Amino acid sequence: MAAISTALTADASGSERFQLSYAWGRRLTISDFDPAHDVLDLGGFWAEGRQARVQASGTGSEVCLDFNQQQVLLPGVAAAALTPQVLAIWQG
């Protein structure tokens, strides 16, 4: 099954919280994501204790949800900028 590509653009005039839902195989690109103001909320995901994996990519960073083959691409955002305040994950 091929990945479903989706693209969003963050609003530069304010803070946004991107609360992701389960979408098997989705490849989401969020352009203009600003880690100083925006939040990527993965709090709704829990899969037997497995969490998101963050890695650097050629154009910024990539958040991989390996347990459902989902990816979030953040062009221009360094992986080191995805602190716990920016990347909200499920807390048990």
Protein backbone atom coordinates (compact mmCIF):
# COMPACT_ATOMS: atom_id res chain seq x y z
CA MET A 1 0.00 0.00 0.00
CA ALA A 2 1.45 3.38 -1.00
CA ALA A 3 1.77 6.19 1.52
CA ILE A 4 -0.88 8.88 1.45
CA SER A 5 0.79 12.30 1.19
CA THR A 6 -0.82 15.27 2.87
CA ALA A 7 0.50 18.82 3.27
CA LEU A 8 -0.32 21.57 5.75
CA THR A 9 1.13 25.04 6.23
CA ALA A 10 1.47 26.58 9.67
CA ASP A 11 0.07 30.07 10.19
CA ALA A 12 3.05 32.39 10.67
CA SER A 13 0.95 34.96 12.53
CA GLY A 14 0.41 32.85 15.67
CA SER A 15 0.89 29.60 17.53
CA GLU A 16 -0.67 26.40 16.31
CA ARG A 17 -1.13 22.96 17.86
CA PHE A 18 -1.17 20.15 15.30
CA GLN A 19 -3.04 17.30 16.99
CA LEU A 20 -2.57 14.25 14.82
CA SER A 21 -4.97 11.39 14.47
CA TYR A 22 -4.27 7.79 13.55
CA ALA A 23 -3.79 7.43 9.79
CA TRP A 24 -1.99 4.28 8.69
CA GLY A 25 0.71 5.07 6.15
CA ARG A 26 0.12 8.83 6.01
CA ARG A 27 3.09 11.02 5.08
CA LEU A 28 2.29 14.51 6.36
CA THR A 29 4.40 17.57 5.57
CA ILE A 30 3.91 20.64 7.76
CA SER A 31 5.54 23.64 6.10
CA ASP A 32 6.50 26.76 8.08
CA PHE A 33 6.32 24.84 11.40
CA ASP A 34 8.00 27.08 14.00
CA PRO A 35 9.23 25.21 17.09
CA ALA A 36 9.35 28.51 18.98
CA HIS A 37 5.54 28.77 18.76
CA ASP A 38 3.97 25.61 17.32
CA VAL A 39 3.35 22.19 18.89
CA LEU A 40 3.13 18.77 17.27
CA ASP A 41 0.72 16.90 19.55
CA LEU A 42 1.03 13.11 19.45
CA GLY A 43 -0.70 12.65 22.79
CA GLY A 44 -3.43 10.51 21.26
CA PHE A 45 -0.98 7.80 20.23
CA TRP A 46 -0.05 4.92 22.41
CA ALA A 47 0.91 1.58 20.97
CA GLU A 48 2.17 -0.83 23.56
CA GLY A 49 4.56 1.76 24.96
CA ARG A 50 6.19 2.64 21.64
CA GLN A 51 6.77 6.31 21.02
CA ALA A 52 7.63 8.56 18.12
CA ARG A 53 11.12 8.47 16.68
CA VAL A 54 12.70 11.75 15.56
CA GLN A 55 15.47 11.89 13.01
CA ALA A 56 17.18 14.52 10.91
CA SER A 57 16.35 14.55 7.22
CA GLY A 58 17.99 16.31 4.31
CA THR A 59 15.60 19.25 4.53
CA GLY A 60 14.80 19.42 8.26
CA SER A 61 13.46 16.71 10.51
CA GLU A 62 11.15 13.74 10.34
CA VAL A 63 8.95 12.27 13.06
CA CYS A 64 8.30 8.58 12.46
CA LEU A 65 5.44 6.67 14.04
CA ASP A 66 6.78 3.25 13.16
CA PHE A 67 3.89 1.40 14.75
CA ASN A 68 1.48 2.69 12.10
CA GLN A 69 3.86 3.55 9.25
CA GLN A 70 3.08 7.27 9.63
CA GLN A 71 5.60 10.06 9.00
CA VAL A 72 5.55 13.78 9.71
CA LEU A 73 8.04 15.89 7.79
CA LEU A 74 9.00 19.30 9.17
CA PRO A 75 11.07 21.07 6.48
CA GLY A 76 13.56 23.57 7.89
CA VAL A 77 13.19 22.35 11.49
CA ALA A 78 16.23 20.80 13.16
CA ALA A 79 15.58 17.53 14.99
CA ALA A 80 17.19 19.05 18.11
CA ALA A 81 14.47 21.74 18.16
CA LEU A 82 11.78 19.12 18.82
CA THR A 83 11.95 19.34 22.60
CA PRO A 84 9.24 17.88 24.89
CA GLN A 85 7.52 21.29 24.80
CA VAL A 86 7.32 21.16 21.00
CA LEU A 87 6.70 17.44 20.49
CA ALA A 88 3.96 16.43 22.92
CA ILE A 89 3.76 12.66 23.34
CA TRP A 90 1.48 10.37 25.32
CA GLN A 91 2.25 10.37 29.03
CA GLY A 92 1.11 7.28 30.90
